[in-house]
Amino acid sequence: WYRQAPGKQRELVVSISSGGGTNCADSVKGRFTISRD
């Protein structure tokens, strides 16, 4: 998941690999969770 606010560049919010590993932006840590089915 990426996001783009007005006047800002598109940025990574959080990602999840095929194996389930995740990366997330510091700004959303503890608040956002990615999952896949």
PDB file of all heavy atoms in Angstrom:
ATOM      1  N   TRP A   1       0.843  -1.178   0.000  1.00  0.00           N
ATOM      2  CA  TRP A   1       0.000   0.000   0.000  1.00  0.00           C
ATOM      3  C   TRP A   1       0.882   1.233   0.000  1.00  0.00           C
ATOM      4  O   TRP A   1       1.791   1.355   0.824  1.00  0.00           O
ATOM      5  CB  TRP A   1      -0.922   0.024   1.221  1.00  0.00           C
ATOM      6  CG  TRP A   1      -2.011  -0.993   1.167  1.00  0.00           C
ATOM      7  CD1 TRP A   1      -2.025  -2.228   1.743  1.00  0.00           C
ATOM      8  CD2 TRP A   1      -3.269  -0.857   0.495  1.00  0.00           C
ATOM      9  NE1 TRP A   1      -3.209  -2.875   1.475  1.00  0.00           N
ATOM     10  CE2 TRP A   1      -3.997  -2.049   0.711  1.00  0.00           C
ATOM     11  CE3 TRP A   1      -3.853   0.157  -0.262  1.00  0.00           C
ATOM     12  CZ2 TRP A   1      -5.272  -2.249   0.192  1.00  0.00           C
ATOM     13  CZ3 TRP A   1      -5.120  -0.047  -0.774  1.00  0.00           C
ATOM     14  CH2 TRP A   1      -5.814  -1.245  -0.546  1.00  0.00           C
ATOM     15  N   TYR A   2       0.625   2.122  -0.928  1.00  0.00           N
ATOM     16  CA  TYR A   2       1.289   3.407  -1.031  1.00  0.00           C
ATOM     17  C   TYR A   2       0.249   4.502  -0.890  1.00  0.00           C
ATOM     18  O   TYR A   2      -0.942   4.262  -1.064  1.00  0.00           O
ATOM     19  CB  TYR A   2       2.000   3.551  -2.378  1.00  0.00           C
ATOM     20  CG  TYR A   2       3.199   2.646  -2.562  1.00  0.00           C
ATOM     21  CD1 TYR A   2       3.051   1.280  -2.738  1.00  0.00           C
ATOM     22  CD2 TYR A   2       4.486   3.173  -2.574  1.00  0.00           C
ATOM     23  CE1 TYR A   2       4.145   0.451  -2.917  1.00  0.00           C
ATOM     24  CE2 TYR A   2       5.593   2.357  -2.758  1.00  0.00           C
ATOM     25  CZ  TYR A   2       5.412   1.003  -2.928  1.00  0.00           C
ATOM     26  OH  TYR A   2       6.502   0.191  -3.109  1.00  0.00           O
ATOM     27  N   ARG A   3       0.707   5.696  -0.582  1.00  0.00           N
ATOM     28  CA  ARG A   3      -0.226   6.815  -0.510  1.00  0.00           C
ATOM     29  C   ARG A   3       0.422   8.079  -1.048  1.00  0.00           C
ATOM     30  O   ARG A   3       1.641   8.225  -1.040  1.00  0.00           O
ATOM     31  CB  ARG A   3      -0.725   7.039   0.917  1.00  0.00           C
ATOM     32  CG  ARG A   3       0.328   7.536   1.899  1.00  0.00           C
ATOM     33  CD  ARG A   3      -0.240   7.584   3.308  1.00  0.00           C
ATOM     34  NE  ARG A   3       0.724   8.101   4.277  1.00  0.00           N
ATOM     35  CZ  ARG A   3       0.531   8.131   5.589  1.00  0.00           C
ATOM     36  NH1 ARG A   3      -0.610   7.663   6.095  1.00  0.00           N
ATOM     37  NH2 ARG A   3       1.468   8.620   6.389  1.00  0.00           N
ATOM     38  N   GLN A   4      -0.423   8.974  -1.511  1.00  0.00           N
ATOM     39  CA  GLN A   4       0.035  10.254  -2.022  1.00  0.00           C
ATOM     40  C   GLN A   4      -0.923  11.343  -1.567  1.00  0.00           C
ATOM     41  O   GLN A   4      -2.107  11.323  -1.900  1.00  0.00           O
ATOM     42  CB  GLN A   4       0.134  10.245  -3.546  1.00  0.00           C
ATOM     43  CG  GLN A   4       0.769  11.491  -4.122  1.00  0.00           C
ATOM     44  CD  GLN A   4       1.151  11.333  -5.579  1.00  0.00           C
ATOM     45  OE1 GLN A   4       0.564  10.538  -6.304  1.00  0.00           O
ATOM     46  NE2 GLN A   4       2.156  12.080  -6.002  1.00  0.00           N
ATOM     47  N   ALA A   5      -0.385  12.272  -0.797  1.00  0.00           N
ATOM     48  CA  ALA A   5      -1.137  13.426  -0.348  1.00  0.00           C
ATOM     49  C   ALA A   5      -0.877  14.582  -1.307  1.00  0.00           C
ATOM     50  O   ALA A   5       0.147  14.607  -2.000  1.00  0.00           O
ATOM     51  CB  ALA A   5      -0.729  13.804   1.072  1.00  0.00           C
ATOM     52  N   PRO A   6      -1.774  15.558  -1.366  1.00  0.00           N
ATOM     53  CA  PRO A   6      -1.567  16.708  -2.252  1.00  0.00           C
ATOM     54  C   PRO A   6      -0.228  17.389  -1.997  1.00  0.00           C
ATOM     55  O   PRO A   6       0.127  17.680  -0.858  1.00  0.00           O
ATOM     56  CB  PRO A   6      -2.736  17.634  -1.905  1.00  0.00           C
ATOM     57  CG  PRO A   6      -3.796  16.714  -1.397  1.00  0.00           C
ATOM     58  CD  PRO A   6      -3.060  15.646  -0.655  1.00  0.00           C
ATOM     59  N   GLY A   7       0.523  17.627  -3.075  1.00  0.00           N
ATOM     60  CA  GLY A   7       1.801  18.296  -2.968  1.00  0.00           C
ATOM     61  C   GLY A   7       2.943  17.441  -2.483  1.00  0.00           C
ATOM     62  O   GLY A   7       4.053  17.953  -2.296  1.00  0.00           O
ATOM     63  N   LYS A   8       2.707  16.157  -2.277  1.00  0.00           N
ATOM     64  CA  LYS A   8       3.741  15.262  -1.785  1.00  0.00           C
ATOM     65  C   LYS A   8       3.974  14.118  -2.765  1.00  0.00           C
ATOM     66  O   LYS A   8       3.135  13.818  -3.606  1.00  0.00           O
ATOM     67  CB  LYS A   8       3.361  14.698  -0.416  1.00  0.00           C
ATOM     68  CG  LYS A   8       3.280  15.731   0.694  1.00  0.00           C
ATOM     69  CD  LYS A   8       3.026  15.062   2.027  1.00  0.00           C
ATOM     70  CE  LYS A   8       3.005  16.065   3.162  1.00  0.00           C
ATOM     71  NZ  LYS A   8       2.765  15.400   4.471  1.00  0.00           N
ATOM     72  N   GLN A   9       5.140  13.484  -2.635  1.00  0.00           N
ATOM     73  CA  GLN A   9       5.453  12.314  -3.437  1.00  0.00           C
ATOM     74  C   GLN A   9       4.712  11.091  -2.922  1.00  0.00           C
ATOM     75  O   GLN A   9       4.358  11.007  -1.747  1.00  0.00           O
ATOM     76  CB  GLN A   9       6.956  12.029  -3.417  1.00  0.00           C
ATOM     77  CG  GLN A   9       7.796  13.002  -4.209  1.00  0.00           C
ATOM     78  CD  GLN A   9       9.220  12.518  -4.352  1.00  0.00           C
ATOM     79  OE1 GLN A   9      10.027  12.683  -3.442  1.00  0.00           O
ATOM     80  NE2 GLN A   9       9.526  11.907  -5.484  1.00  0.00           N
ATOM     81  N   ARG A  10       4.486  10.151  -3.808  1.00  0.00           N
ATOM     82  CA  ARG A  10       3.918   8.883  -3.394  1.00  0.00           C
ATOM     83  C   ARG A  10       4.920   8.151  -2.505  1.00  0.00           C
ATOM     84  O   ARG A  10       6.114   8.094  -2.816  1.00  0.00           O
ATOM     85  CB  ARG A  10       3.569   8.033  -4.616  1.00  0.00           C
ATOM     86  CG  ARG A  10       2.819   6.759  -4.282  1.00  0.00           C
ATOM     87  CD  ARG A  10       2.379   6.015  -5.539  1.00  0.00           C
ATOM     88  NE  ARG A  10       1.482   6.812  -6.360  1.00  0.00           N
ATOM     89  CZ  ARG A  10       0.828   6.353  -7.419  1.00  0.00           C
ATOM     90  NH1 ARG A  10       0.960   5.091  -7.791  1.00  0.00           N
ATOM     91  NH2 ARG A  10       0.039   7.162  -8.113  1.00  0.00           N
ATOM     92  N   GLU A  11       4.435   7.613  -1.409  1.00  0.00           N
ATOM     93  CA  GLU A  11       5.305   6.954  -0.460  1.00  0.00           C
ATOM     94  C   GLU A  11       4.769   5.589  -0.074  1.00  0.00           C
ATOM     95  O   GLU A  11       3.557   5.365  -0.064  1.00  0.00           O
ATOM     96  CB  GLU A  11       5.470   7.805   0.806  1.00  0.00           C
ATOM     97  CG  GLU A  11       4.186   7.995   1.588  1.00  0.00           C
ATOM     98  CD  GLU A  11       4.376   8.738   2.903  1.00  0.00           C
ATOM     99  OE1 GLU A  11       5.536   8.995   3.292  1.00  0.00           O
ATOM    100  OE2 GLU A  11       3.357   9.070   3.551  1.00  0.00           O
ATOM    101  N   LEU A  12       5.699   4.708   0.252  1.00  0.00           N
ATOM    102  CA  LEU A  12       5.312   3.390   0.760  1.00  0.00           C
ATOM    103  C   LEU A  12       4.703   3.534   2.143  1.00  0.00           C
ATOM    104  O   LEU A  12       5.270   4.191   3.018  1.00  0.00           O
ATOM    105  CB  LEU A  12       6.525   2.471   0.827  1.00  0.00           C
ATOM    106  CG  LEU A  12       6.294   1.109   1.497  1.00  0.00           C
ATOM    107  CD1 LEU A  12       5.381   0.232   0.638  1.00  0.00           C
ATOM    108  CD2 LEU A  12       7.616   0.403   1.755  1.00  0.00           C
ATOM    109  N   VAL A  13       3.563   2.911   2.344  1.00  0.00           N
ATOM    110  CA  VAL A  13       2.948   2.846   3.658  1.00  0.00           C
ATOM    111  C   VAL A  13       3.359   1.552   4.342  1.00  0.00           C
ATOM    112  O   VAL A  13       3.958   1.560   5.424  1.00  0.00           O
ATOM    113  CB  VAL A  13       1.413   2.944   3.570  1.00  0.00           C
ATOM    114  CG1 VAL A  13       0.788   2.860   4.955  1.00  0.00           C
ATOM    115  CG2 VAL A  13       0.997   4.232   2.874  1.00  0.00           C
ATOM    116  N   VAL A  14       3.035   0.435   3.712  1.00  0.00           N
ATOM    117  CA  VAL A  14       3.398  -0.868   4.235  1.00  0.00           C
ATOM    118  C   VAL A  14       3.308  -1.891   3.104  1.00  0.00           C
ATOM    119  O   VAL A  14       2.474  -1.755   2.206  1.00  0.00           O
ATOM    120  CB  VAL A  14       2.503  -1.268   5.433  1.00  0.00           C
ATOM    121  CG1 VAL A  14       1.036  -1.337   5.030  1.00  0.00           C
ATOM    122  CG2 VAL A  14       2.966  -2.531   6.093  1.00  0.00           C
ATOM    123  N   SER A  15       4.174  -2.889   3.147  1.00  0.00           N
ATOM    124  CA  SER A  15       4.161  -3.945   2.143  1.00  0.00           C
ATOM    125  C   SER A  15       4.267  -5.301   2.821  1.00  0.00           C
ATOM    126  O   SER A  15       4.693  -5.402   3.975  1.00  0.00           O
ATOM    127  CB  SER A  15       5.295  -3.771   1.133  1.00  0.00           C
ATOM    128  OG  SER A  15       6.557  -3.906   1.752  1.00  0.00           O
ATOM    129  N   ILE A  16       3.893  -6.324   2.088  1.00  0.00           N
ATOM    130  CA  ILE A  16       3.973  -7.686   2.592  1.00  0.00           C
ATOM    131  C   ILE A  16       4.462  -8.590   1.472  1.00  0.00           C
ATOM    132  O   ILE A  16       3.958  -8.557   0.353  1.00  0.00           O
ATOM    133  CB  ILE A  16       2.609  -8.153   3.162  1.00  0.00           C
ATOM    134  CG1 ILE A  16       2.729  -9.552   3.766  1.00  0.00           C
ATOM    135  CG2 ILE A  16       1.509  -8.090   2.107  1.00  0.00           C
ATOM    136  CD1 ILE A  16       1.517  -9.935   4.618  1.00  0.00           C
ATOM    137  N   SER A  17       5.460  -9.397   1.768  1.00  0.00           N
ATOM    138  CA  SER A  17       6.047 -10.272   0.771  1.00  0.00           C
ATOM    139  C   SER A  17       5.238 -11.543   0.616  1.00  0.00           C
ATOM    140  O   SER A  17       4.301 -11.811   1.373  1.00  0.00           O
ATOM    141  CB  SER A  17       7.490 -10.616   1.157  1.00  0.00           C
ATOM    142  OG  SER A  17       7.516 -11.508   2.253  1.00  0.00           O
ATOM    143  N   SER A  18       5.626 -12.341  -0.366  1.00  0.00           N
ATOM    144  CA  SER A  18       4.951 -13.619  -0.569  1.00  0.00           C
ATOM    145  C   SER A  18       5.104 -14.535   0.639  1.00  0.00           C
ATOM    146  O   SER A  18       4.241 -15.373   0.887  1.00  0.00           O
ATOM    147  CB  SER A  18       5.496 -14.312  -1.820  1.00  0.00           C
ATOM    148  OG  SER A  18       6.878 -14.586  -1.695  1.00  0.00           O
ATOM    149  N   GLY A  19       6.192 -14.364   1.390  1.00  0.00           N
ATOM    150  CA  GLY A  19       6.430 -15.164   2.571  1.00  0.00           C
ATOM    151  C   GLY A  19       5.836 -14.597   3.841  1.00  0.00           C
ATOM    152  O   GLY A  19       5.947 -15.221   4.902  1.00  0.00           O
ATOM    153  N   GLY A  20       5.236 -13.413   3.766  1.00  0.00           N
ATOM    154  CA  GLY A  20       4.575 -12.820   4.916  1.00  0.00           C
ATOM    155  C   GLY A  20       5.371 -11.761   5.648  1.00  0.00           C
ATOM    156  O   GLY A  20       4.859 -11.152   6.596  1.00  0.00           O
ATOM    157  N   GLY A  21       6.614 -11.516   5.238  1.00  0.00           N
ATOM    158  CA  GLY A  21       7.383 -10.463   5.857  1.00  0.00           C
ATOM    159  C   GLY A  21       6.847  -9.095   5.489  1.00  0.00           C
ATOM    160  O   GLY A  21       6.342  -8.892   4.383  1.00  0.00           O
ATOM    161  N   THR A  22       6.951  -8.145   6.405  1.00  0.00           N
ATOM    162  CA  THR A  22       6.369  -6.823   6.190  1.00  0.00           C
ATOM    163  C   THR A  22       7.393  -5.715   6.366  1.00  0.00           C
ATOM    164  O   THR A  22       8.365  -5.847   7.111  1.00  0.00           O
ATOM    165  CB  THR A  22       5.193  -6.565   7.141  1.00  0.00           C
ATOM    166  OG1 THR A  22       5.650  -6.650   8.498  1.00  0.00           O
ATOM    167  CG2 THR A  22       4.088  -7.586   6.923  1.00  0.00           C
ATOM    168  N   ASN A  23       7.179  -4.631   5.652  1.00  0.00           N
ATOM    169  CA  ASN A  23       7.893  -3.376   5.826  1.00  0.00           C
ATOM    170  C   ASN A  23       6.860  -2.274   5.981  1.00  0.00           C
ATOM    171  O   ASN A  23       5.822  -2.310   5.326  1.00  0.00           O
ATOM    172  CB  ASN A  23       8.785  -3.065   4.622  1.00  0.00           C
ATOM    173  CG  ASN A  23       9.994  -3.948   4.545  1.00  0.00           C
ATOM    174  OD1 ASN A  23      10.626  -4.245   5.553  1.00  0.00           O
ATOM    175  ND2 ASN A  23      10.349  -4.360   3.334  1.00  0.00           N
ATOM    176  N   CYS A  24       7.139  -1.321   6.833  1.00  0.00           N
ATOM    177  CA  CYS A  24       6.192  -0.230   7.010  1.00  0.00           C
ATOM    178  C   CYS A  24       6.910   1.073   7.288  1.00  0.00           C
ATOM    179  O   CYS A  24       8.035   1.096   7.791  1.00  0.00           O
ATOM    180  CB  CYS A  24       5.179  -0.539   8.115  1.00  0.00           C
ATOM    181  SG  CYS A  24       5.884  -0.674   9.758  1.00  0.00           S
ATOM    182  N   ALA A  25       6.229   2.153   6.963  1.00  0.00           N
ATOM    183  CA  ALA A  25       6.753   3.475   7.231  1.00  0.00           C
ATOM    184  C   ALA A  25       6.683   3.769   8.722  1.00  0.00           C
ATOM    185  O   ALA A  25       5.756   3.346   9.412  1.00  0.00           O
ATOM    186  CB  ALA A  25       5.960   4.520   6.455  1.00  0.00           C
ATOM    187  N   ASP A  26       7.670   4.516   9.216  1.00  0.00           N
ATOM    188  CA  ASP A  26       7.693   4.863  10.627  1.00  0.00           C
ATOM    189  C   ASP A  26       6.429   5.614  11.055  1.00  0.00           C
ATOM    190  O   ASP A  26       5.969   5.469  12.188  1.00  0.00           O
ATOM    191  CB  ASP A  26       8.916   5.715  10.952  1.00  0.00           C
ATOM    192  CG  ASP A  26      10.207   4.934  10.892  1.00  0.00           C
ATOM    193  OD1 ASP A  26      10.167   3.692  10.969  1.00  0.00           O
ATOM    194  OD2 ASP A  26      11.273   5.566  10.772  1.00  0.00           O
ATOM    195  N   SER A  27       5.866   6.387  10.146  1.00  0.00           N
ATOM    196  CA  SER A  27       4.715   7.208  10.474  1.00  0.00           C
ATOM    197  C   SER A  27       3.455   6.409  10.786  1.00  0.00           C
ATOM    198  O   SER A  27       2.527   6.948  11.396  1.00  0.00           O
ATOM    199  CB  SER A  27       4.425   8.185   9.330  1.00  0.00           C
ATOM    200  OG  SER A  27       4.160   7.492   8.125  1.00  0.00           O
ATOM    201  N   VAL A  28       3.421   5.141  10.379  1.00  0.00           N
ATOM    202  CA  VAL A  28       2.218   4.337  10.595  1.00  0.00           C
ATOM    203  C   VAL A  28       2.455   3.125  11.484  1.00  0.00           C
ATOM    204  O   VAL A  28       1.514   2.374  11.761  1.00  0.00           O
ATOM    205  CB  VAL A  28       1.591   3.879   9.262  1.00  0.00           C
ATOM    206  CG1 VAL A  28       1.316   5.072   8.362  1.00  0.00           C
ATOM    207  CG2 VAL A  28       2.479   2.856   8.559  1.00  0.00           C
ATOM    208  N   LYS A  29       3.682   2.943  11.943  1.00  0.00           N
ATOM    209  CA  LYS A  29       3.983   1.803  12.801  1.00  0.00           C
ATOM    210  C   LYS A  29       3.116   1.823  14.057  1.00  0.00           C
ATOM    211  O   LYS A  29       2.960   2.850  14.702  1.00  0.00           O
ATOM    212  CB  LYS A  29       5.457   1.798  13.193  1.00  0.00           C
ATOM    213  CG  LYS A  29       6.380   1.345  12.088  1.00  0.00           C
ATOM    214  CD  LYS A  29       7.827   1.293  12.549  1.00  0.00           C
ATOM    215  CE  LYS A  29       8.739   0.808  11.429  1.00  0.00           C
ATOM    216  NZ  LYS A  29      10.163   0.810  11.828  1.00  0.00           N
ATOM    217  N   GLY A  30       2.549   0.667  14.368  1.00  0.00           N
ATOM    218  CA  GLY A  30       1.678   0.555  15.522  1.00  0.00           C
ATOM    219  C   GLY A  30       0.246   0.929  15.250  1.00  0.00           C
ATOM    220  O   GLY A  30      -0.613   0.705  16.111  1.00  0.00           O
ATOM    221  N   ARG A  31      -0.037   1.499  14.082  1.00  0.00           N
ATOM    222  CA  ARG A  31      -1.399   1.922  13.754  1.00  0.00           C
ATOM    223  C   ARG A  31      -1.982   1.180  12.565  1.00  0.00           C
ATOM    224  O   ARG A  31      -3.183   0.909  12.540  1.00  0.00           O
ATOM    225  CB  ARG A  31      -1.440   3.428  13.474  1.00  0.00           C
ATOM    226  CG  ARG A  31      -0.986   4.282  14.649  1.00  0.00           C
ATOM    227  CD  ARG A  31      -1.251   5.764  14.400  1.00  0.00           C
ATOM    228  NE  ARG A  31      -0.512   6.267  13.238  1.00  0.00           N
ATOM    229  CZ  ARG A  31      -1.078   6.799  12.164  1.00  0.00           C
ATOM    230  NH1 ARG A  31      -2.404   6.912  12.095  1.00  0.00           N
ATOM    231  NH2 ARG A  31      -0.332   7.240  11.163  1.00  0.00           N
ATOM    232  N   PHE A  32      -1.142   0.889  11.574  1.00  0.00           N
ATOM    233  CA  PHE A  32      -1.602   0.237  10.351  1.00  0.00           C
ATOM    234  C   PHE A  32      -1.077  -1.190  10.293  1.00  0.00           C
ATOM    235  O   PHE A  32       0.062  -1.461  10.695  1.00  0.00           O
ATOM    236  CB  PHE A  32      -1.097   0.977   9.111  1.00  0.00           C
ATOM    237  CG  PHE A  32      -1.713   2.330   8.867  1.00  0.00           C
ATOM    238  CD1 PHE A  32      -2.498   2.958   9.818  1.00  0.00           C
ATOM    239  CD2 PHE A  32      -1.488   2.972   7.657  1.00  0.00           C
ATOM    240  CE1 PHE A  32      -3.052   4.205   9.591  1.00  0.00           C
ATOM    241  CE2 PHE A  32      -2.040   4.219   7.411  1.00  0.00           C
ATOM    242  CZ  PHE A  32      -2.827   4.842   8.374  1.00  0.00           C
ATOM    243  N   THR A  33      -1.879  -2.083   9.759  1.00  0.00           N
ATOM    244  CA  THR A  33      -1.494  -3.468   9.597  1.00  0.00           C
ATOM    245  C   THR A  33      -1.892  -3.964   8.215  1.00  0.00           C
ATOM    246  O   THR A  33      -3.041  -3.798   7.800  1.00  0.00           O
ATOM    247  CB  THR A  33      -2.153  -4.371  10.658  1.00  0.00           C
ATOM    248  OG1 THR A  33      -1.828  -3.902  11.968  1.00  0.00           O
ATOM    249  CG2 THR A  33      -1.662  -5.808  10.513  1.00  0.00           C
ATOM    250  N   ILE A  34      -0.940  -4.572   7.523  1.00  0.00           N
ATOM    251  CA  ILE A  34      -1.227  -5.169   6.228  1.00  0.00           C
ATOM    252  C   ILE A  34      -1.400  -6.669   6.398  1.00  0.00           C
ATOM    253  O   ILE A  34      -0.744  -7.294   7.237  1.00  0.00           O
ATOM    254  CB  ILE A  34      -0.108  -4.859   5.207  1.00  0.00           C
ATOM    255  CG1 ILE A  34      -0.534  -5.249   3.789  1.00  0.00           C
ATOM    256  CG2 ILE A  34       1.197  -5.537   5.592  1.00  0.00           C
ATOM    257  CD1 ILE A  34       0.421  -4.757   2.706  1.00  0.00           C
ATOM    258  N   SER A  35      -2.289  -7.243   5.620  1.00  0.00           N
ATOM    259  CA  SER A  35      -2.476  -8.680   5.616  1.00  0.00           C
ATOM    260  C   SER A  35      -2.893  -9.115   4.221  1.00  0.00           C
ATOM    261  O   SER A  35      -3.317  -8.291   3.407  1.00  0.00           O
ATOM    262  CB  SER A  35      -3.518  -9.113   6.657  1.00  0.00           C
ATOM    263  OG  SER A  35      -4.783  -8.537   6.386  1.00  0.00           O
ATOM    264  N   ARG A  36      -2.748 -10.386   3.956  1.00  0.00           N
ATOM    265  CA  ARG A  36      -3.147 -10.894   2.649  1.00  0.00           C
ATOM    266  C   ARG A  36      -3.874 -12.216   2.795  1.00  0.00           C
ATOM    267  O   ARG A  36      -3.591 -13.007   3.705  1.00  0.00           O
ATOM    268  CB  ARG A  36      -1.931 -11.042   1.718  1.00  0.00           C
ATOM    269  CG  ARG A  36      -0.906 -12.074   2.155  1.00  0.00           C
ATOM    270  CD  ARG A  36       0.397 -11.938   1.348  1.00  0.00           C
ATOM    271  NE  ARG A  36       0.178 -12.187  -0.067  1.00  0.00           N
ATOM    272  CZ  ARG A  36       1.008 -11.805  -1.033  1.00  0.00           C
ATOM    273  NH1 ARG A  36       2.119 -11.126  -0.729  1.00  0.00           N
ATOM    274  NH2 ARG A  36       0.736 -12.082  -2.295  1.00  0.00           N
ATOM    275  N   ASP A  37      -4.814 -12.429   1.913  1.00  0.00           N
ATOM    276  CA  ASP A  37      -5.556 -13.675   1.842  1.00  0.00           C
ATOM    277  C   ASP A  37      -5.350 -14.213   0.437  1.00  0.00           C
ATOM    278  O   ASP A  37      -6.015 -13.783  -0.510  1.00  0.00           O
ATOM    279  CB  ASP A  37      -7.037 -13.448   2.144  1.00  0.00           C
ATOM    280  CG  ASP A  37      -7.819 -14.742   2.251  1.00  0.00           C
ATOM    281  OD1 ASP A  37      -7.377 -15.768   1.703  1.00  0.00           O
ATOM    282  OD2 ASP A  37      -8.886 -14.732   2.890  1.00  0.00           O
TER     283      ASP A  37
END
